């Protein structure tokens, strides 16, 4: 898979999206901090740099919305099939790992 975006760019974009949602709700940084329980300095740092803990990010999403979309974005996607032959081939080869490989 070819990645067209760096992790730091993705972090800044996510911060921009959360900021836009905050502003659309007419919330100040202080107001969002109070509602979410995320310390104000952490929120400011997030909006400026995109750096935040996962827990704090999810707390912000609970207030501004979008948590369900984020959870769905990382869910394992179901495979779509073009024919019954594709279904039969995939069914025989399907192995779902419960653990990662040892290194």
N, C-alpha and C. Protein backbone atom coordinates (compact mmCIF):
# COMPACT_ATOMS: atom_id res chain seq x y z
N UNK A 1 0.84 -1.18 0.00
CA UNK A 1 0.00 0.00 0.00
C UNK A 1 0.89 1.24 0.00
N UNK A 2 0.62 2.16 -0.88
CA UNK A 2 1.38 3.40 -0.99
C UNK A 2 0.70 4.46 -0.13
N UNK A 3 1.48 5.04 0.79
CA UNK A 3 0.94 6.09 1.65
C UNK A 3 1.21 7.44 1.00
N UNK A 4 0.19 8.25 0.91
CA UNK A 4 0.33 9.55 0.29
C UNK A 4 0.36 10.67 1.31
N UNK A 5 0.40 10.32 2.60
CA UNK A 5 0.36 11.32 3.65
C UNK A 5 1.27 10.85 4.78
N UNK A 6 2.00 11.77 5.37
CA UNK A 6 2.86 11.42 6.50
C UNK A 6 2.04 11.45 7.79
N UNK A 7 2.56 10.82 8.82
CA UNK A 7 1.83 10.80 10.09
C UNK A 7 1.72 12.21 10.68
N UNK A 8 2.76 13.01 10.56
CA UNK A 8 2.68 14.38 11.11
C UNK A 8 1.67 15.23 10.34
N UNK A 9 1.59 15.02 9.04
CA UNK A 9 0.60 15.76 8.24
C UNK A 9 -0.82 15.32 8.63
N UNK A 10 -1.01 14.02 8.84
CA UNK A 10 -2.32 13.52 9.26
C UNK A 10 -2.70 14.08 10.62
N UNK A 11 -1.73 14.16 11.54
CA UNK A 11 -2.01 14.72 12.87
C UNK A 11 -2.45 16.18 12.76
N UNK A 12 -1.75 16.96 11.94
CA UNK A 12 -2.13 18.37 11.78
C UNK A 12 -3.51 18.51 11.14
N UNK A 13 -3.82 17.62 10.19
CA UNK A 13 -5.15 17.67 9.57
C UNK A 13 -6.24 17.31 10.56
N UNK A 14 -6.00 16.30 11.38
CA UNK A 14 -6.98 15.92 12.40
C UNK A 14 -7.19 17.08 13.38
N UNK A 15 -6.11 17.72 13.77
CA UNK A 15 -6.22 18.87 14.68
C UNK A 15 -7.04 19.98 14.03
N UNK A 16 -6.83 20.21 12.75
CA UNK A 16 -7.59 21.23 12.03
C UNK A 16 -9.07 20.89 11.96
N UNK A 17 -9.37 19.62 11.78
CA UNK A 17 -10.78 19.19 11.72
C UNK A 17 -11.46 19.37 13.08
N UNK A 18 -10.75 19.02 14.15
CA UNK A 18 -11.33 19.18 15.49
C UNK A 18 -11.52 20.67 15.78
N UNK A 19 -10.54 21.48 15.40
CA UNK A 19 -10.65 22.93 15.62
C UNK A 19 -11.84 23.50 14.86
N UNK A 20 -12.02 23.06 13.61
CA UNK A 20 -13.14 23.54 12.80
C UNK A 20 -14.48 23.15 13.43
N UNK A 21 -14.56 21.94 13.94
CA UNK A 21 -15.79 21.50 14.61
C UNK A 21 -16.04 22.33 15.87
N UNK A 22 -14.95 22.61 16.62
CA UNK A 22 -15.08 23.42 17.83
C UNK A 22 -15.61 24.80 17.49
N UNK A 23 -15.05 25.41 16.46
CA UNK A 23 -15.49 26.74 16.06
C UNK A 23 -16.92 26.74 15.53
N UNK A 24 -17.30 25.68 14.82
CA UNK A 24 -18.66 25.57 14.31
C UNK A 24 -19.67 25.47 15.47
N UNK A 25 -19.22 24.91 16.59
CA UNK A 25 -20.07 24.81 17.78
C UNK A 25 -19.99 26.09 18.62
N UNK A 26 -19.20 27.05 18.15
CA UNK A 26 -18.98 28.32 18.84
C UNK A 26 -18.43 28.10 20.25
N UNK A 27 -17.49 27.17 20.35
CA UNK A 27 -16.82 26.89 21.62
C UNK A 27 -15.44 27.52 21.62
N UNK A 28 -15.05 28.06 22.75
CA UNK A 28 -13.67 28.51 22.92
C UNK A 28 -12.82 27.29 23.27
N UNK A 29 -11.51 27.45 23.22
CA UNK A 29 -10.64 26.37 23.66
C UNK A 29 -10.93 26.03 25.12
N UNK A 30 -11.13 27.06 25.92
CA UNK A 30 -11.42 26.85 27.34
C UNK A 30 -12.73 26.08 27.52
N UNK A 31 -13.74 26.42 26.72
CA UNK A 31 -15.03 25.73 26.82
C UNK A 31 -14.92 24.27 26.43
N UNK A 32 -14.20 23.98 25.35
CA UNK A 32 -14.02 22.59 24.94
C UNK A 32 -13.20 21.84 25.98
N UNK A 33 -12.21 22.50 26.53
CA UNK A 33 -11.40 21.87 27.57
C UNK A 33 -12.26 21.48 28.76
N UNK A 34 -13.11 22.37 29.19
CA UNK A 34 -13.99 22.10 30.33
C UNK A 34 -14.96 20.95 30.03
N UNK A 35 -15.58 21.01 28.86
CA UNK A 35 -16.58 19.98 28.51
C UNK A 35 -15.96 18.60 28.33
N UNK A 36 -14.75 18.56 27.77
CA UNK A 36 -14.14 17.27 27.46
C UNK A 36 -13.30 16.70 28.59
N UNK A 37 -12.84 17.56 29.48
CA UNK A 37 -11.95 17.09 30.54
C UNK A 37 -10.50 17.03 30.10
N UNK A 38 -10.20 17.53 28.90
CA UNK A 38 -8.83 17.59 28.40
C UNK A 38 -8.21 18.90 28.90
N UNK A 39 -7.05 18.84 29.55
CA UNK A 39 -6.44 20.08 30.05
C UNK A 39 -6.23 21.10 28.93
N UNK A 40 -6.46 22.37 29.24
CA UNK A 40 -6.34 23.44 28.25
C UNK A 40 -4.98 23.45 27.56
N UNK A 41 -3.85 23.30 28.29
CA UNK A 41 -2.56 23.28 27.59
C UNK A 41 -2.45 22.14 26.57
N UNK A 42 -3.03 20.99 26.89
CA UNK A 42 -3.01 19.85 25.95
C UNK A 42 -3.82 20.17 24.70
N UNK A 43 -4.97 20.82 24.88
CA UNK A 43 -5.80 21.19 23.74
C UNK A 43 -5.09 22.22 22.87
N UNK A 44 -4.47 23.20 23.49
CA UNK A 44 -3.74 24.22 22.72
C UNK A 44 -2.59 23.58 21.93
N UNK A 45 -1.85 22.71 22.59
CA UNK A 45 -0.75 22.03 21.91
C UNK A 45 -1.27 21.20 20.74
N UNK A 46 -2.39 20.52 20.93
CA UNK A 46 -2.99 19.71 19.87
C UNK A 46 -3.37 20.58 18.68
N UNK A 47 -4.03 21.69 18.92
CA UNK A 47 -4.45 22.54 17.81
C UNK A 47 -3.26 23.16 17.08
N UNK A 48 -2.16 23.37 17.77
CA UNK A 48 -0.98 23.97 17.14
C UNK A 48 -0.09 22.95 16.44
N UNK A 49 0.04 21.75 17.04
CA UNK A 49 1.01 20.78 16.52
C UNK A 49 0.39 19.47 16.04
N UNK A 50 -0.80 19.16 16.52
CA UNK A 50 -1.43 17.88 16.19
C UNK A 50 -1.05 16.77 17.16
N UNK A 51 -0.25 17.09 18.17
CA UNK A 51 0.21 16.07 19.12
C UNK A 51 -0.74 16.02 20.32
N UNK A 52 -1.25 14.79 20.60
CA UNK A 52 -2.17 14.57 21.72
C UNK A 52 -2.24 13.08 21.98
N UNK A 53 -2.60 12.71 23.19
CA UNK A 53 -2.78 11.28 23.49
C UNK A 53 -4.06 10.78 22.84
N UNK A 54 -4.13 9.49 22.62
CA UNK A 54 -5.34 8.91 22.03
C UNK A 54 -6.54 9.14 22.93
N UNK A 55 -6.36 8.95 24.23
CA UNK A 55 -7.45 9.14 25.17
C UNK A 55 -8.00 10.57 25.11
N UNK A 56 -7.11 11.55 25.10
CA UNK A 56 -7.55 12.94 25.04
C UNK A 56 -8.23 13.24 23.70
N UNK A 57 -7.70 12.67 22.61
CA UNK A 57 -8.30 12.86 21.29
C UNK A 57 -9.73 12.34 21.28
N UNK A 58 -9.93 11.15 21.85
CA UNK A 58 -11.27 10.57 21.89
C UNK A 58 -12.21 11.38 22.77
N UNK A 59 -11.70 11.94 23.85
CA UNK A 59 -12.52 12.80 24.70
C UNK A 59 -12.98 14.03 23.93
N UNK A 60 -12.09 14.60 23.13
CA UNK A 60 -12.47 15.75 22.31
C UNK A 60 -13.54 15.37 21.30
N UNK A 61 -13.37 14.20 20.67
CA UNK A 61 -14.36 13.75 19.69
C UNK A 61 -15.72 13.48 20.31
N UNK A 62 -15.75 13.09 21.59
CA UNK A 62 -17.03 12.87 22.26
C UNK A 62 -17.81 14.18 22.35
N UNK A 63 -17.10 15.29 22.43
CA UNK A 63 -17.77 16.59 22.54
C UNK A 63 -18.09 17.16 21.17
N UNK A 64 -17.10 17.17 20.26
CA UNK A 64 -17.32 17.82 18.96
C UNK A 64 -17.93 16.89 17.92
N UNK A 65 -17.97 15.60 18.21
CA UNK A 65 -18.54 14.64 17.27
C UNK A 65 -17.46 14.01 16.41
N UNK A 66 -17.78 12.85 15.85
CA UNK A 66 -16.87 12.19 14.95
C UNK A 66 -16.24 10.92 15.49
N UNK A 67 -16.54 10.57 16.75
CA UNK A 67 -15.91 9.37 17.31
C UNK A 67 -16.33 8.12 16.55
N UNK A 68 -17.59 7.99 16.23
CA UNK A 68 -18.06 6.78 15.53
C UNK A 68 -17.37 6.64 14.17
N UNK A 69 -17.17 7.76 13.48
CA UNK A 69 -16.50 7.71 12.18
C UNK A 69 -15.05 7.27 12.32
N UNK A 70 -14.37 7.72 13.36
CA UNK A 70 -12.99 7.32 13.60
C UNK A 70 -12.91 5.84 13.91
N UNK A 71 -13.81 5.36 14.75
CA UNK A 71 -13.83 3.93 15.10
C UNK A 71 -14.10 3.09 13.85
N UNK A 72 -15.05 3.52 13.04
CA UNK A 72 -15.36 2.78 11.81
C UNK A 72 -14.21 2.82 10.81
N UNK A 73 -13.46 3.91 10.80
CA UNK A 73 -12.35 4.05 9.85
C UNK A 73 -11.26 3.01 10.08
N UNK A 74 -11.09 2.55 11.30
CA UNK A 74 -10.05 1.57 11.58
C UNK A 74 -10.58 0.14 11.70
N UNK A 75 -11.87 -0.04 11.49
CA UNK A 75 -12.47 -1.39 11.56
C UNK A 75 -12.04 -2.20 10.33
N UNK A 76 -11.96 -3.50 10.53
CA UNK A 76 -11.64 -4.41 9.43
C UNK A 76 -12.78 -4.36 8.43
N UNK A 77 -12.46 -4.08 7.18
CA UNK A 77 -13.47 -3.95 6.15
C UNK A 77 -13.85 -5.33 5.60
N UNK A 78 -15.13 -5.53 5.39
CA UNK A 78 -15.61 -6.77 4.79
C UNK A 78 -15.25 -6.77 3.31
N UNK A 79 -14.93 -7.95 2.81
CA UNK A 79 -14.58 -8.09 1.40
C UNK A 79 -15.84 -8.21 0.57
N UNK A 80 -15.87 -7.51 -0.56
CA UNK A 80 -17.00 -7.67 -1.47
C UNK A 80 -16.58 -8.63 -2.59
N UNK A 81 -17.53 -9.39 -3.06
CA UNK A 81 -17.24 -10.43 -4.05
C UNK A 81 -17.99 -10.14 -5.34
N UNK A 82 -17.34 -10.50 -6.47
CA UNK A 82 -17.94 -10.31 -7.78
C UNK A 82 -18.74 -11.53 -8.22
N UNK A 83 -18.36 -12.71 -7.71
CA UNK A 83 -19.07 -13.92 -8.11
C UNK A 83 -19.04 -14.95 -6.98
N UNK A 84 -19.82 -16.00 -7.13
CA UNK A 84 -19.85 -17.06 -6.13
C UNK A 84 -18.52 -17.80 -6.07
N UNK A 85 -17.81 -17.86 -7.20
CA UNK A 85 -16.49 -18.50 -7.23
C UNK A 85 -15.52 -17.75 -6.31
N UNK A 86 -15.61 -16.40 -6.31
CA UNK A 86 -14.76 -15.60 -5.43
C UNK A 86 -15.06 -15.89 -3.96
N UNK A 87 -16.33 -16.09 -3.65
CA UNK A 87 -16.74 -16.40 -2.28
C UNK A 87 -16.16 -17.74 -1.86
N UNK A 88 -16.28 -18.74 -2.71
CA UNK A 88 -15.79 -20.08 -2.39
C UNK A 88 -14.27 -20.10 -2.24
N UNK A 89 -13.56 -19.37 -3.09
CA UNK A 89 -12.10 -19.30 -2.99
C UNK A 89 -11.69 -18.62 -1.68
N UNK A 90 -12.34 -17.52 -1.35
CA UNK A 90 -11.99 -16.77 -0.14
C UNK A 90 -12.33 -17.54 1.11
N UNK A 91 -13.42 -18.28 1.09
CA UNK A 91 -13.86 -19.02 2.28
C UNK A 91 -12.84 -20.08 2.66
N UNK A 92 -12.24 -20.71 1.70
CA UNK A 92 -11.26 -21.75 1.97
C UNK A 92 -9.93 -21.19 2.45
N UNK A 93 -9.61 -19.97 2.10
CA UNK A 93 -8.32 -19.37 2.44
C UNK A 93 -8.38 -18.44 3.64
N UNK A 94 -9.53 -18.30 4.24
CA UNK A 94 -9.71 -17.29 5.28
C UNK A 94 -9.13 -17.77 6.61
N UNK A 95 -8.09 -17.10 7.07
CA UNK A 95 -7.50 -17.36 8.37
C UNK A 95 -7.41 -16.03 9.09
N UNK A 96 -8.07 -15.94 10.22
CA UNK A 96 -8.03 -14.71 10.99
C UNK A 96 -7.13 -14.93 12.19
N UNK A 97 -6.04 -14.17 12.23
CA UNK A 97 -5.07 -14.30 13.32
C UNK A 97 -5.61 -13.65 14.57
N UNK A 98 -5.33 -14.26 15.69
CA UNK A 98 -5.72 -13.70 16.98
C UNK A 98 -4.53 -13.02 17.65
N UNK A 99 -3.34 -13.28 17.17
CA UNK A 99 -2.12 -12.69 17.71
C UNK A 99 -1.19 -12.34 16.57
N UNK A 100 -0.26 -11.45 16.86
CA UNK A 100 0.77 -11.13 15.88
C UNK A 100 1.84 -12.21 15.86
N UNK A 101 2.70 -12.14 14.89
CA UNK A 101 3.80 -13.11 14.79
C UNK A 101 4.91 -12.74 15.76
N UNK A 102 5.62 -13.75 16.21
CA UNK A 102 6.78 -13.49 17.06
C UNK A 102 7.91 -12.98 16.19
N UNK A 103 8.69 -12.08 16.75
CA UNK A 103 9.80 -11.55 15.95
C UNK A 103 11.09 -12.27 16.20
